């Protein structure tokens, strides 16, 4: 319990600096890409190493995206259990509530990080390595476009939290994104 309280305090503080952290992550990503374009850091690597870095970026994006989705999963399970009059031990219920709060605080940062990791994945595998398999590119492009829409909706939700319909669309489009990602993983 004490561990969850400390994590919640840390994530609550991080949540306050979401804008600055997002701008910093985006700036670092843009600088890395510009340095690579100017000096060819990734293109100097062996092709196999660059491919490994690109695939690792995609795998980490899947993992971080899973953390972003856990907020909604935990929240919905908790809400449905309350609606169905399922009661928990007080300590367990407090831990569940703390976990939901932690995931709520890190959800936007995970979204930004996923978007940047997917952009890095795309940049390295398409631009640096030169992958040209059409099915992989199209499924990845649809995944990237839907991720861009999900991220845009997420930013809109941060600025207009009372617009509840956008939250519904955000969840629905995330479901479509998951379908495209699964297709991308199948055809690779």
Protein backbone atom coordinates (compact mmCIF):
# COMPACT_ATOMS: atom_id res chain seq x y z
CA UNK A 1 0.00 0.00 0.00
CA UNK A 2 2.78 2.42 0.94
CA UNK A 3 4.49 1.63 -2.38
CA UNK A 4 1.33 2.57 -4.34
CA UNK A 5 0.93 5.81 -2.39
CA UNK A 6 4.48 6.87 -3.26
CA UNK A 7 4.02 5.98 -6.93
CA UNK A 8 0.76 7.90 -6.99
CA UNK A 9 2.47 11.00 -5.54
CA UNK A 10 5.21 10.79 -8.17
CA UNK A 11 2.77 10.30 -11.05
CA UNK A 12 0.56 13.12 -9.77
CA UNK A 13 3.58 15.45 -9.90
CA UNK A 14 4.52 14.22 -13.38
CA UNK A 15 0.93 14.79 -14.50
CA UNK A 16 1.26 18.48 -13.63
CA UNK A 17 4.21 18.79 -16.00
CA UNK A 18 2.62 16.86 -18.87
CA UNK A 19 2.96 19.74 -21.34
CA UNK A 20 6.63 20.37 -20.60
CA UNK A 21 7.48 16.67 -20.63
CA UNK A 22 5.66 16.19 -23.94
CA UNK A 23 7.44 19.14 -25.54
CA UNK A 24 10.78 17.89 -24.22
CA UNK A 25 10.19 14.36 -25.58
CA UNK A 26 9.07 15.70 -28.97
CA UNK A 27 12.04 18.09 -29.14
CA UNK A 28 14.48 15.31 -28.29
CA UNK A 29 12.94 13.10 -30.99
CA UNK A 30 13.11 15.86 -33.62
CA UNK A 31 16.72 16.64 -32.68
CA UNK A 32 17.66 12.96 -32.97
CA UNK A 33 16.08 12.72 -36.42
CA UNK A 34 17.74 15.95 -37.59
CA UNK A 35 21.13 14.78 -36.30
CA UNK A 36 20.62 11.49 -38.13
CA UNK A 37 19.66 13.25 -41.35
CA UNK A 38 22.69 15.55 -41.11
CA UNK A 39 25.30 13.04 -39.93
CA UNK A 40 23.79 9.66 -40.86
CA UNK A 41 24.14 7.99 -37.48
CA UNK A 42 21.71 5.17 -38.23
CA UNK A 43 22.78 4.75 -41.84
CA UNK A 44 26.38 4.16 -40.71
CA UNK A 45 25.26 1.24 -38.61
CA UNK A 46 25.12 -2.23 -40.02
CA UNK A 47 21.72 -2.80 -41.60
CA UNK A 48 20.94 -5.56 -39.16
CA UNK A 49 21.62 -3.31 -36.14
CA UNK A 50 19.45 -0.50 -37.51
CA UNK A 51 16.68 -3.00 -38.20
CA UNK A 52 16.98 -4.28 -34.63
CA UNK A 53 16.71 -0.76 -33.23
CA UNK A 54 13.66 -0.04 -35.38
CA UNK A 55 11.95 -3.26 -34.36
CA UNK A 56 12.80 -2.63 -30.71
CA UNK A 57 11.19 0.82 -30.96
CA UNK A 58 8.04 -0.86 -32.28
CA UNK A 59 8.08 -3.48 -29.52
CA UNK A 60 8.56 -0.87 -26.79
CA UNK A 61 5.72 1.14 -28.36
CA UNK A 62 3.48 -1.94 -28.00
CA UNK A 63 4.46 -2.32 -24.36
CA UNK A 64 3.93 1.36 -23.51
CA UNK A 65 0.66 1.36 -25.48
CA UNK A 66 -0.45 -1.57 -23.35
CA UNK A 67 0.23 0.49 -20.23
CA UNK A 68 -1.82 3.33 -21.73
CA UNK A 69 -4.73 0.94 -22.36
CA UNK A 70 -4.54 -0.51 -18.84
CA UNK A 71 -6.06 2.69 -17.47
CA UNK A 72 -9.30 2.07 -19.34
CA UNK A 73 -9.28 -1.66 -18.65
CA UNK A 74 -8.81 -1.25 -14.88
CA UNK A 75 -11.30 1.60 -14.74
CA UNK A 76 -13.99 -0.26 -16.69
CA UNK A 77 -13.55 -3.47 -14.68
CA UNK A 78 -13.81 -1.50 -11.44
CA UNK A 79 -16.89 0.43 -12.59
CA UNK A 80 -18.61 -2.74 -13.85
CA UNK A 81 -17.87 -4.55 -10.59
CA UNK A 82 -19.42 -1.67 -8.64
CA UNK A 83 -22.49 -1.68 -10.89
CA UNK A 84 -22.88 -5.42 -10.33
CA UNK A 85 -22.57 -4.96 -6.54
CA UNK A 86 -19.29 -6.87 -6.31
CA UNK A 87 -17.56 -5.77 -3.15
CA UNK A 88 -13.86 -5.91 -2.37
CA UNK A 89 -11.91 -5.98 0.84
CA UNK A 90 -11.26 -2.36 1.88
CA UNK A 91 -7.50 -2.68 1.45
CA UNK A 92 -7.85 -4.28 -1.98
CA UNK A 93 -10.35 -1.65 -3.10
CA UNK A 94 -7.99 1.13 -2.01
CA UNK A 95 -5.16 -0.51 -3.95
CA UNK A 96 -7.38 -0.78 -7.03
CA UNK A 97 -8.32 2.90 -6.75
CA UNK A 98 -4.66 3.91 -6.33
CA UNK A 99 -3.69 1.80 -9.35
CA UNK A 100 -6.38 3.44 -11.46
CA UNK A 101 -5.13 6.87 -10.37
CA UNK A 102 -1.54 5.95 -11.23
CA UNK A 103 -2.53 4.74 -14.70
CA UNK A 104 -4.71 7.85 -15.16
CA UNK A 105 -1.74 10.08 -14.46
CA UNK A 106 0.68 8.26 -16.77
CA UNK A 107 -1.85 7.62 -19.57
CA UNK A 108 -1.20 10.88 -21.49
CA UNK A 109 2.58 10.54 -21.21
CA UNK A 110 2.35 6.95 -22.42
CA UNK A 111 0.31 8.17 -25.39
CA UNK A 112 2.94 10.73 -26.38
CA UNK A 113 5.74 8.23 -25.87
CA UNK A 114 3.95 5.61 -28.00
CA UNK A 115 3.46 8.13 -30.78
CA UNK A 116 7.15 9.10 -30.75
CA UNK A 117 8.31 5.48 -30.57
CA UNK A 118 6.10 4.58 -33.54
CA UNK A 119 7.44 7.55 -35.48
CA UNK A 120 10.97 6.38 -34.65
CA UNK A 121 10.06 2.83 -35.68
CA UNK A 122 8.69 4.17 -38.98
CA UNK A 123 11.65 6.46 -39.59
CA UNK A 124 14.28 3.81 -38.96
CA UNK A 125 12.66 0.92 -40.80
CA UNK A 126 11.31 2.89 -43.74
CA UNK A 127 13.77 5.73 -44.25
CA UNK A 128 17.04 4.32 -42.88
CA UNK A 129 16.71 0.58 -43.57
CA UNK A 130 14.49 0.96 -46.63
CA UNK A 131 11.87 -1.71 -45.95
CA UNK A 132 9.52 -1.90 -48.91
CA UNK A 133 7.13 -4.78 -48.24
CA UNK A 134 3.78 -3.29 -49.34
CA UNK A 135 1.49 -5.09 -46.88
CA UNK A 136 3.70 -4.21 -43.94
CA UNK A 137 3.92 -0.59 -45.08
CA UNK A 138 0.17 -0.21 -45.64
CA UNK A 139 -0.82 -1.87 -42.37
CA UNK A 140 1.78 0.22 -40.56
CA UNK A 141 0.58 3.37 -42.29
CA UNK A 142 -3.02 2.70 -41.24
CA UNK A 143 -1.77 2.03 -37.70
CA UNK A 144 0.23 5.26 -37.70
CA UNK A 145 -2.68 7.32 -39.03
CA UNK A 146 -5.12 5.90 -36.51
CA UNK A 147 -2.55 6.42 -33.73
CA UNK A 148 -2.20 10.03 -34.87
CA UNK A 149 -5.97 10.47 -34.63
CA UNK A 150 -6.08 8.82 -31.20
CA UNK A 151 -3.25 11.09 -30.00
CA UNK A 152 -4.96 14.19 -31.43
CA UNK A 153 -8.19 13.24 -29.69
CA UNK A 154 -6.25 12.67 -26.47
CA UNK A 155 -4.76 16.15 -26.64
CA UNK A 156 -8.22 17.55 -27.32
CA UNK A 157 -9.58 15.68 -24.28
CA UNK A 158 -6.85 17.20 -22.10
CA UNK A 159 -7.89 20.69 -23.16
CA UNK A 160 -11.65 20.01 -23.10
CA UNK A 161 -12.18 17.39 -20.36
CA UNK A 162 -15.92 18.00 -20.13
CA UNK A 163 -16.55 16.96 -23.75
CA UNK A 164 -17.49 13.36 -22.93
CA UNK A 165 -18.35 12.29 -26.50
CA UNK A 166 -14.70 12.76 -27.48
CA UNK A 167 -13.70 10.24 -24.80
CA UNK A 168 -16.08 7.72 -26.34
CA UNK A 169 -14.61 8.35 -29.81
CA UNK A 170 -11.10 8.12 -28.34
CA UNK A 171 -11.86 4.64 -26.98
CA UNK A 172 -13.59 3.49 -30.17
CA UNK A 173 -10.72 4.66 -32.36
CA UNK A 174 -8.28 2.96 -29.99
CA UNK A 175 -10.13 -0.29 -30.71
CA UNK A 176 -9.67 0.31 -34.44
CA UNK A 177 -6.00 1.12 -33.80
CA UNK A 178 -5.56 -2.20 -32.01
CA UNK A 179 -7.05 -4.02 -35.02
CA UNK A 180 -4.61 -2.26 -37.38
CA UNK A 181 -1.68 -3.03 -35.09
CA UNK A 182 -2.64 -6.71 -34.97
CA UNK A 183 -2.87 -6.72 -38.78
CA UNK A 184 0.58 -5.08 -38.93
CA UNK A 185 2.03 -7.72 -36.64
CA UNK A 186 0.44 -10.55 -38.65
CA UNK A 187 1.75 -9.42 -42.06
CA UNK A 188 5.28 -8.60 -40.96
